[in-house]
Amino acid sequence: MPTSEKIAEGVWWTGVNVYTSDLFEGIWPIPNGVTINSYVVKGNKVALIDLVKAGGGGSSENIIDQVKSIGIAVNHIDYLILNHLEPDHTGYTAAMRELNPKIQILTSEKGVPLVKAFYGISDGVRAVKDGEELELGNGKVLQFFYAPNVHWPETMVTYEKSTKVLFPCDAFGSFGAFKGYIFDDQVPPEDEAFWASETLRYYANIVATFSQSVLNAIKKLGGLDIKVIAPSHGLIWRKNPGKVIADYVRYANYMSDFQEPEITVIWGSMYGNTGTILRAVLRGIAQESVEVTIHKVPETDASFVLADAWRSAGLVIAMPTYEYSIFPPVAYILDLMKLKHFWHKKVLRVGSFGWVGGAQKHFIEKIDKMFWDCIGPLEYQGAPKPEDLKKAEELGQELARQVKAIKSKKT
């Protein structure tokens, strides 16, 4: 029978590893799975903080058995705390209300209408105020703080005052299923890079748009004494919660001009001519010894492209003109970048055209108001000529020099 795991006195993890070919949010691949975490806090009364999705992956079956493993009957849970109404955290709400008709559902003011909209429930649903406290008895006190747009407008976080556990829902989360452990201090050295990569990819895919809201929320919660961070996806941070906070501050600041002195190359080609010019660009970059990550699209999913591009100060966009416009797989990446505020980059765009150009015009339209500092572009008809290759190498080297200057500014 699935069991819970104790986090602190009177606080338990309940949740599930999800392995699926479905895309997270219908967009993002999760080849390494993802966790959906919920939590039980028990005083004289019992609160269940966040839920799991309805059906599939054992989510709903697990949570019933896990609550029982604590010695709590489902119909004895007094409160259901919904920090965030996205269905991966609330899909089981209607079923939980059927199993426990007396359970009180607590959420933010903007969350109340969403409970009705998603699940048709309005009775027994109450909005808590920003800063409000809920006494559970036996020393357990929950305090609620609004954290709008991290990453939905109704988002709030919950803090248990005696154990100093913060339940921030999607904030401080990560892709990746648990590997037999749930806490940061249980991660073996060989898994550290895995969690770092999946945390950054989660941020770039899910949270990046709301980076200023992330910084606002972290500042707002700065006065709390936080011993444990228990998010709704990914590791529970009990040894060093300050690390994931610092990581999220760094990720949020990538929206401004505090990115890493690296270059991410995003390229696509129809008949190989863009690949030829790209090799020249890379020769130029290599002369300045700048770290480069290369993604060919559509072969590489946008999820992984965005993760590397989010942290990189420099971008190379290499693609041909396609039907008088941008090569569509690259256009999709640019649309996502604009949506998610990939701002303040140093960018080189190169590419070929056949009968006529047009990609550059549409490229300029796509990147409007993204605050990109562009060099080039370099466009050429058909196959690149020797003079094109020479120019591409020069432009690659110039981009690398500008990216290295970012490092100098930071140090």
Protein backbone atom coordinates (compact mmCIF):
# COMPACT_ATOMS: atom_id res chain seq x y z
CA MET A 1 0.00 0.00 0.00
CA PRO A 2 1.42 3.45 -0.84
CA THR A 3 2.56 5.24 2.30
CA SER A 4 3.18 8.81 3.33
CA GLU A 5 6.55 10.14 4.47
CA LYS A 6 7.09 12.27 7.55
CA ILE A 7 8.58 15.72 6.96
CA ALA A 8 8.35 17.18 10.46
CA GLU A 9 6.32 16.60 13.60
CA GLY A 10 2.68 16.46 12.48
CA VAL A 11 3.55 17.08 8.80
CA TRP A 12 3.61 14.43 6.08
CA TRP A 13 4.19 14.18 2.33
CA THR A 14 1.51 12.47 0.25
CA GLY A 15 1.91 12.37 -3.49
CA VAL A 16 2.79 10.42 -6.58
CA ASN A 17 5.39 9.94 -9.28
CA VAL A 18 3.82 10.45 -12.68
CA TYR A 19 5.28 8.69 -15.70
CA THR A 20 3.38 9.43 -18.87
CA SER A 21 3.76 10.12 -22.57
CA ASP A 22 1.31 12.99 -22.09
CA LEU A 23 2.81 16.47 -22.25
CA PHE A 24 2.88 18.58 -19.10
CA GLU A 25 0.35 21.41 -19.56
CA GLY A 26 -0.25 19.83 -22.98
CA ILE A 27 3.06 21.32 -24.20
CA TRP A 28 6.16 20.15 -22.33
CA PRO A 29 7.67 16.64 -22.52
CA ILE A 30 8.49 14.97 -19.21
CA PRO A 31 10.70 12.04 -20.22
CA ASN A 32 11.94 11.78 -16.64
CA GLY A 33 8.46 12.00 -15.14
CA VAL A 34 7.23 14.52 -12.62
CA THR A 35 6.03 14.39 -9.04
CA ILE A 36 2.73 15.76 -7.80
CA ASN A 37 3.11 16.46 -4.09
CA SER A 38 0.42 17.14 -1.54
CA TYR A 39 0.78 17.37 2.23
CA VAL A 40 -1.02 16.62 5.48
CA VAL A 41 -0.72 18.81 8.57
CA LYS A 42 -2.25 17.38 11.75
CA GLY A 43 -3.03 19.22 14.95
CA ASN A 44 -6.31 18.60 16.74
CA LYS A 45 -7.75 19.23 13.30
CA VAL A 46 -6.36 18.00 9.97
CA ALA A 47 -5.53 19.98 6.85
CA LEU A 48 -4.71 18.52 3.44
CA ILE A 49 -2.62 21.01 1.46
CA ASP A 50 -3.10 20.76 -2.30
CA LEU A 51 -4.23 17.67 -4.14
CA VAL A 52 -3.39 15.50 -7.11
CA LYS A 53 -4.89 15.16 -10.54
CA ALA A 54 -7.95 13.00 -11.07
CA GLY A 55 -7.19 9.47 -12.26
CA GLY A 56 -4.20 8.22 -14.18
CA GLY A 57 -0.80 7.36 -12.81
CA GLY A 58 -2.27 6.15 -9.53
CA SER A 59 -2.69 9.70 -8.25
CA SER A 60 -6.14 9.40 -6.75
CA GLU A 61 -5.61 5.87 -5.44
CA ASN A 62 -2.34 6.85 -3.77
CA ILE A 63 -3.61 9.80 -1.80
CA ILE A 64 -6.41 7.82 -0.13
CA ASP A 65 -4.02 5.07 0.97
CA GLN A 66 -1.35 7.56 2.05
CA VAL A 67 -3.73 9.47 4.29
CA LYS A 68 -4.85 6.16 5.80
CA SER A 69 -1.20 5.26 6.46
CA ILE A 70 -0.98 8.27 8.78
CA GLY A 71 -3.95 6.92 10.70
CA ILE A 72 -6.41 9.46 9.34
CA ALA A 73 -9.69 8.55 7.70
CA VAL A 74 -10.42 10.64 4.62
CA ASN A 75 -13.75 11.75 6.06
CA HIS A 76 -11.91 13.11 9.12
CA ILE A 77 -9.94 15.70 7.16
CA ASP A 78 -11.24 19.12 8.23
CA TYR A 79 -9.68 21.43 5.65
CA LEU A 80 -8.59 21.22 2.04
CA ILE A 81 -6.14 24.05 1.30
CA LEU A 82 -5.89 24.89 -2.40
CA ASN A 83 -2.90 27.15 -2.95
CA HIS A 84 -3.30 27.09 -6.71
CA LEU A 85 -6.25 25.93 -8.82
CA GLU A 86 -4.45 24.42 -11.81
CA PRO A 87 -5.99 20.96 -12.32
CA ASP A 88 -2.80 18.96 -11.72
CA HIS A 89 -3.11 20.11 -8.09
CA THR A 90 -6.89 20.13 -7.79
CA GLY A 91 -8.28 17.53 -10.19
CA TYR A 92 -9.37 15.27 -7.32
CA THR A 93 -11.33 18.05 -5.58
CA ALA A 94 -14.83 16.93 -6.61
CA ALA A 95 -14.08 13.33 -5.62
CA MET A 96 -12.65 14.46 -2.27
CA ARG A 97 -15.81 16.45 -1.56
CA GLU A 98 -17.91 13.35 -2.32
CA LEU A 99 -15.79 11.25 0.04
CA ASN A 100 -15.89 13.96 2.71
CA PRO A 101 -18.94 16.24 2.27
CA LYS A 102 -18.02 18.24 5.38
CA ILE A 103 -14.50 19.18 4.31
CA GLN A 104 -13.96 22.96 4.18
CA ILE A 105 -12.16 24.22 1.10
CA LEU A 106 -9.91 27.23 1.72
CA THR A 107 -8.28 29.23 -1.04
CA SER A 108 -7.56 32.82 -2.06
CA GLU A 109 -10.24 35.33 -3.07
CA LYS A 110 -9.52 34.75 -6.76
CA GLY A 111 -9.42 31.01 -6.17
CA VAL A 112 -13.01 30.77 -4.93
CA PRO A 113 -14.68 31.36 -8.33
CA LEU A 114 -12.22 28.92 -9.92
CA VAL A 115 -13.33 26.13 -7.56
CA LYS A 116 -16.84 26.67 -8.86
CA ALA A 117 -15.73 27.05 -12.48
CA PHE A 118 -13.66 23.85 -12.51
CA TYR A 119 -15.62 21.64 -10.13
CA GLY A 120 -19.06 23.20 -9.62
CA ILE A 121 -18.48 23.58 -5.89
CA SER A 122 -19.46 26.73 -4.02
CA ASP A 123 -20.81 25.46 -0.67
CA GLY A 124 -18.18 25.12 2.00
CA VAL A 125 -15.64 27.15 0.05
CA ARG A 126 -14.07 30.13 1.81
CA ALA A 127 -11.51 32.74 0.83
CA VAL A 128 -8.74 33.34 3.33
CA LYS A 129 -7.21 36.77 3.64
CA ASP A 130 -3.58 37.60 2.90
CA GLY A 131 -1.71 36.98 6.17
CA GLU A 132 -4.64 35.18 7.83
CA GLU A 133 -3.89 32.39 10.31
CA LEU A 134 -5.74 29.11 10.88
CA GLU A 135 -5.39 27.33 14.23
CA LEU A 136 -5.38 23.56 13.89
CA GLY A 137 -4.68 22.98 17.59
CA ASN A 138 -1.85 21.16 19.34
CA GLY A 139 0.52 23.99 18.31
CA LYS A 140 -0.14 23.77 14.59
CA VAL A 141 -0.92 27.11 12.92
CA LEU A 142 -1.23 27.68 9.18
CA GLN A 143 -0.63 31.15 7.78
CA PHE A 144 -1.57 32.14 4.23
CA PHE A 145 0.21 34.63 1.98
CA TYR A 146 -0.97 35.75 -1.43
CA ALA A 147 1.61 35.29 -4.19
CA PRO A 148 -0.25 36.43 -7.31
CA ASN A 149 1.05 35.33 -10.71
CA VAL A 150 3.43 32.72 -9.35
CA HIS A 151 2.21 31.53 -11.74
CA TRP A 152 -1.60 32.11 -11.78
CA PRO A 153 -3.35 35.22 -10.41
CA GLU A 154 -5.01 33.28 -7.56
CA THR A 155 -1.82 31.66 -6.23
CA MET A 156 -1.07 31.74 -2.53
CA VAL A 157 1.38 29.90 -0.29
CA THR A 158 0.85 28.26 3.08
CA TYR A 159 3.27 28.36 6.02
CA GLU A 160 3.12 26.14 9.13
CA LYS A 161 4.46 28.24 11.97
CA SER A 162 5.59 25.58 14.50
CA THR A 163 7.59 23.43 12.06
CA LYS A 164 8.48 26.39 9.81
CA VAL A 165 7.48 24.47 6.66
CA LEU A 166 6.56 26.51 3.59
CA PHE A 167 4.13 24.96 1.09
CA PRO A 168 4.56 27.15 -2.04
CA CYS A 169 2.76 24.95 -4.59
CA ASP A 170 4.34 25.52 -8.04
CA ALA A 171 7.00 27.91 -6.77
CA PHE A 172 10.41 26.27 -6.18
CA GLY A 173 9.27 23.27 -8.19
CA SER A 174 10.95 20.99 -10.69
CA PHE A 175 10.34 18.39 -13.34
CA GLY A 176 11.58 14.88 -12.64
CA ALA A 177 10.13 11.94 -10.74
CA PHE A 178 11.53 10.88 -7.39
CA LYS A 179 14.23 8.23 -7.52
CA GLY A 180 13.47 6.47 -4.26
CA TYR A 181 13.98 9.58 -2.13
CA ILE A 182 12.07 12.83 -1.68
CA PHE A 183 14.45 15.17 0.21
CA ASP A 184 17.36 17.30 -0.99
CA ASP A 185 19.74 15.78 1.56
CA GLN A 186 19.11 12.32 0.11
CA VAL A 187 20.24 13.25 -3.41
CA PRO A 188 23.39 11.30 -4.34
CA PRO A 189 26.16 13.27 -6.06
CA GLU A 190 25.48 11.59 -9.40
CA ASP A 191 21.90 12.95 -9.38
CA GLU A 192 22.73 16.58 -8.57
CA ALA A 193 23.11 17.59 -12.23
CA PHE A 194 19.81 15.86 -13.05
CA TRP A 195 17.84 17.92 -10.53
CA ALA A 196 19.63 21.14 -11.45
CA SER A 197 18.74 20.61 -15.12
CA GLU A 198 15.12 19.66 -14.45
CA THR A 199 14.63 22.61 -12.08
CA LEU A 200 15.92 25.10 -14.65
CA ARG A 201 13.85 23.51 -17.44
CA TYR A 202 10.74 23.67 -15.25
CA TYR A 203 11.41 27.35 -14.53
CA ALA A 204 12.02 28.28 -18.15
CA ASN A 205 8.94 26.39 -19.35
CA ILE A 206 6.46 27.15 -16.58
CA VAL A 207 7.51 30.17 -14.54
CA ALA A 208 9.72 32.41 -16.69
CA THR A 209 6.94 34.77 -17.77
CA PHE A 210 6.30 35.63 -14.14
CA SER A 211 9.86 36.28 -13.02
CA GLN A 212 9.11 39.69 -11.53
CA SER A 213 6.26 38.15 -9.55
CA VAL A 214 8.68 35.48 -8.30
CA LEU A 215 11.05 38.17 -7.03
CA ASN A 216 8.14 40.04 -5.44
CA ALA A 217 6.95 36.90 -3.64
CA ILE A 218 10.43 36.02 -2.37
CA LYS A 219 10.81 39.54 -1.01
CA LYS A 220 7.38 39.34 0.63
CA LEU A 221 8.25 36.06 2.36
CA GLY A 222 11.71 37.24 3.35
CA GLY A 223 10.75 37.73 7.00
CA LEU A 224 9.69 34.11 7.51
CA ASP A 225 11.96 31.63 9.24
CA ILE A 226 11.80 28.82 6.68
CA LYS A 227 13.26 25.45 7.68
CA VAL A 228 11.65 23.34 4.93
CA ILE A 229 10.31 24.15 1.46
CA ALA A 230 7.74 21.61 0.29
CA PRO A 231 6.67 22.41 -3.30
CA SER A 232 4.05 20.63 -5.34
CA HIS A 233 6.54 19.33 -7.91
CA GLY A 234 10.02 18.04 -7.21
CA LEU A 235 12.30 17.71 -4.21
CA ILE A 236 11.41 18.73 -0.67
CA TRP A 237 14.16 21.02 0.65
CA ARG A 238 14.83 20.31 4.31
CA LYS A 239 18.63 20.52 4.51
CA ASN A 240 19.22 23.67 2.50
CA PRO A 241 16.01 25.46 1.49
CA GLY A 242 18.08 28.57 0.89
CA LYS A 243 19.64 26.90 -2.14
CA VAL A 244 16.42 26.59 -4.11
CA ILE A 245 15.46 30.13 -3.11
CA ALA A 246 18.82 31.40 -4.39
CA ASP A 247 18.39 29.35 -7.58
CA TYR A 248 14.98 30.90 -8.22
CA VAL A 249 16.33 34.40 -7.59
CA ARG A 250 19.06 33.72 -10.14
CA TYR A 251 16.60 32.27 -12.67
CA ALA A 252 14.24 35.23 -12.22
CA ASN A 253 17.06 37.69 -12.81
CA TYR A 254 17.86 36.02 -16.14
CA MET A 255 14.92 38.05 -17.44
CA SER A 256 17.10 41.13 -17.08
CA ASP A 257 20.74 41.44 -18.15
CA PHE A 258 22.19 39.07 -15.55
CA GLN A 259 22.44 35.97 -17.72
CA GLU A 260 25.34 33.56 -17.93
CA PRO A 261 28.24 34.26 -20.33
CA GLU A 262 27.15 31.48 -22.67
CA ILE A 263 25.67 31.19 -26.16
CA THR A 264 22.73 29.03 -27.16
CA VAL A 265 22.48 28.22 -30.87
CA ILE A 266 19.01 27.57 -32.28
CA TRP A 267 19.05 26.44 -35.86
CA GLY A 268 17.05 24.72 -38.53
CA SER A 269 17.82 23.92 -42.15
CA MET A 270 15.94 22.66 -45.19
CA TYR A 271 18.77 21.61 -47.51
CA GLY A 272 21.96 22.14 -45.53
CA ASN A 273 22.98 25.65 -46.48
CA THR A 274 22.18 27.07 -43.04
CA GLY A 275 24.25 24.29 -41.50
CA THR A 276 27.22 25.33 -43.64
CA ILE A 277 27.10 28.94 -42.51
CA LEU A 278 26.56 27.88 -38.91
CA ARG A 279 29.85 26.01 -38.88
CA ALA A 280 31.59 29.25 -39.77
CA VAL A 281 29.79 31.09 -36.97
CA LEU A 282 30.90 28.42 -34.53
CA ARG A 283 34.51 28.75 -35.65
CA GLY A 284 34.33 32.42 -34.77
CA ILE A 285 32.81 31.75 -31.36
CA ALA A 286 35.43 29.10 -30.62
CA GLN A 287 38.19 31.69 -31.00
CA GLU A 288 36.86 33.43 -27.88
CA SER A 289 36.41 30.24 -25.81
CA VAL A 290 32.77 30.89 -24.93
CA GLU A 291 30.58 27.96 -23.87
CA VAL A 292 28.07 26.99 -26.57
CA THR A 293 24.97 24.80 -26.52
CA ILE A 294 23.50 23.81 -29.88
CA HIS A 295 19.86 22.87 -30.58
CA LYS A 296 18.54 21.88 -34.00
CA VAL A 297 14.81 22.34 -34.46
CA PRO A 298 12.35 20.78 -34.85
CA GLU A 299 14.46 17.76 -33.88
CA THR A 300 14.94 19.16 -30.36
CA ASP A 301 11.75 19.95 -28.45
CA ALA A 302 11.20 23.60 -27.51
CA SER A 303 11.20 22.68 -23.81
CA PHE A 304 14.93 21.91 -23.85
CA VAL A 305 15.77 24.82 -26.15
CA LEU A 306 14.13 27.28 -23.78
CA ALA A 307 15.96 25.93 -20.74
CA ASP A 308 19.37 26.66 -22.24
CA ALA A 309 18.35 29.90 -23.93
CA TRP A 310 16.85 31.31 -20.72
CA ARG A 311 20.18 31.37 -18.93
CA SER A 312 22.34 32.35 -21.92
CA ALA A 313 23.40 35.93 -22.55
CA GLY A 314 23.97 35.19 -26.24
CA LEU A 315 21.82 33.58 -28.92
CA VAL A 316 22.51 32.53 -32.48
CA ILE A 317 19.33 32.19 -34.56
CA ALA A 318 20.21 30.39 -37.80
CA MET A 319 17.46 29.50 -40.26
CA PRO A 320 16.41 29.92 -43.89
CA THR A 321 13.59 31.94 -45.36
CA TYR A 322 10.53 29.72 -45.74
CA GLU A 323 7.67 30.90 -47.97
CA TYR A 324 8.74 34.56 -47.62
CA SER A 325 8.93 34.26 -43.83
CA ILE A 326 10.67 32.52 -40.91
CA PHE A 327 11.39 28.79 -40.97
CA PRO A 328 8.31 27.64 -38.94
CA PRO A 329 10.07 25.60 -36.21
CA VAL A 330 12.20 28.63 -35.39
CA ALA A 331 9.17 30.92 -35.53
CA TYR A 332 7.55 28.75 -32.85
CA ILE A 333 10.59 29.10 -30.59
CA LEU A 334 10.59 32.87 -31.06
CA ASP A 335 6.90 33.05 -30.18
CA LEU A 336 7.52 31.15 -26.96
CA MET A 337 10.48 33.37 -26.13
CA LYS A 338 8.37 36.48 -26.53
CA LEU A 339 5.56 35.02 -24.43
CA LYS A 340 7.97 34.07 -21.66
CA HIS A 341 9.99 37.30 -21.59
CA PHE A 342 13.35 36.15 -22.94
CA TRP A 343 14.60 39.70 -22.74
CA HIS A 344 17.97 41.47 -22.96
CA LYS A 345 19.89 39.01 -25.14
CA LYS A 346 22.79 39.58 -27.50
CA VAL A 347 21.73 37.95 -30.76
CA LEU A 348 23.17 37.03 -34.14
CA ARG A 349 20.78 35.93 -36.88
CA VAL A 350 22.06 34.23 -40.05
CA GLY A 351 20.37 32.33 -42.83
CA SER A 352 19.87 31.62 -46.51
CA PHE A 353 17.09 32.28 -48.99
CA GLY A 354 16.24 30.94 -52.43
CA TRP A 355 14.22 33.06 -54.86
CA VAL A 356 13.67 35.90 -52.45
CA GLY A 357 14.23 36.75 -48.78
CA GLY A 358 11.69 37.82 -46.17
CA ALA A 359 12.74 36.04 -42.99
CA GLN A 360 14.60 39.05 -41.58
CA LYS A 361 11.57 41.33 -41.89
CA HIS A 362 9.42 38.89 -39.95
CA PHE A 363 12.25 38.21 -37.47
CA ILE A 364 12.36 41.91 -36.57
CA GLU A 365 8.59 41.88 -36.07
CA LYS A 366 8.76 38.81 -33.84
CA ILE A 367 11.40 40.23 -31.51
CA ASP A 368 9.83 43.65 -31.11
CA LYS A 369 9.90 44.81 -27.46
CA MET A 370 12.21 41.97 -26.39
CA PHE A 371 15.17 44.35 -25.90
CA TRP A 372 17.54 42.22 -27.98
CA ASP A 373 20.86 43.71 -29.01
CA CYS A 374 21.29 42.28 -32.51
CA ILE A 375 24.41 42.10 -34.63
CA GLY A 376 24.28 41.19 -38.29
CA PRO A 377 22.14 39.88 -39.86
CA LEU A 378 23.93 37.82 -42.44
CA GLU A 379 21.68 36.64 -45.28
CA TYR A 380 22.80 35.09 -48.55
CA GLN A 381 21.15 33.56 -51.61
CA GLY A 382 21.55 29.85 -52.18
CA ALA A 383 24.77 28.38 -50.86
CA PRO A 384 27.17 30.57 -48.85
CA LYS A 385 30.12 32.00 -50.76
CA PRO A 386 33.64 32.31 -49.33
CA GLU A 387 32.99 35.92 -48.41
CA ASP A 388 29.81 34.86 -46.56
CA LEU A 389 31.72 32.26 -44.57
CA LYS A 390 34.38 34.81 -43.67
CA LYS A 391 31.74 37.30 -42.54
CA ALA A 392 29.92 34.62 -40.51
CA GLU A 393 33.12 33.74 -38.68
CA GLU A 394 33.73 37.42 -37.91
CA LEU A 395 30.19 37.89 -36.62
CA GLY A 396 30.44 34.76 -34.47
CA GLN A 397 33.61 36.07 -32.91
CA GLU A 398 32.03 39.49 -32.31
CA LEU A 399 29.03 37.91 -30.60
CA ALA A 400 31.35 35.89 -28.37
CA ARG A 401 33.32 39.02 -27.46
CA GLN A 402 30.11 40.78 -26.42
CA VAL A 403 29.04 37.81 -24.34
CA LYS A 404 32.44 37.70 -22.62
CA ALA A 405 31.96 41.38 -21.74
CA ILE A 406 28.82 40.35 -19.82
CA LYS A 407 31.06 38.15 -17.67
CA SER A 408 33.45 41.03 -17.11
CA LYS A 409 30.58 43.24 -15.99
CA LYS A 410 29.38 40.62 -13.49
CA THR A 411 32.84 40.07 -12.02
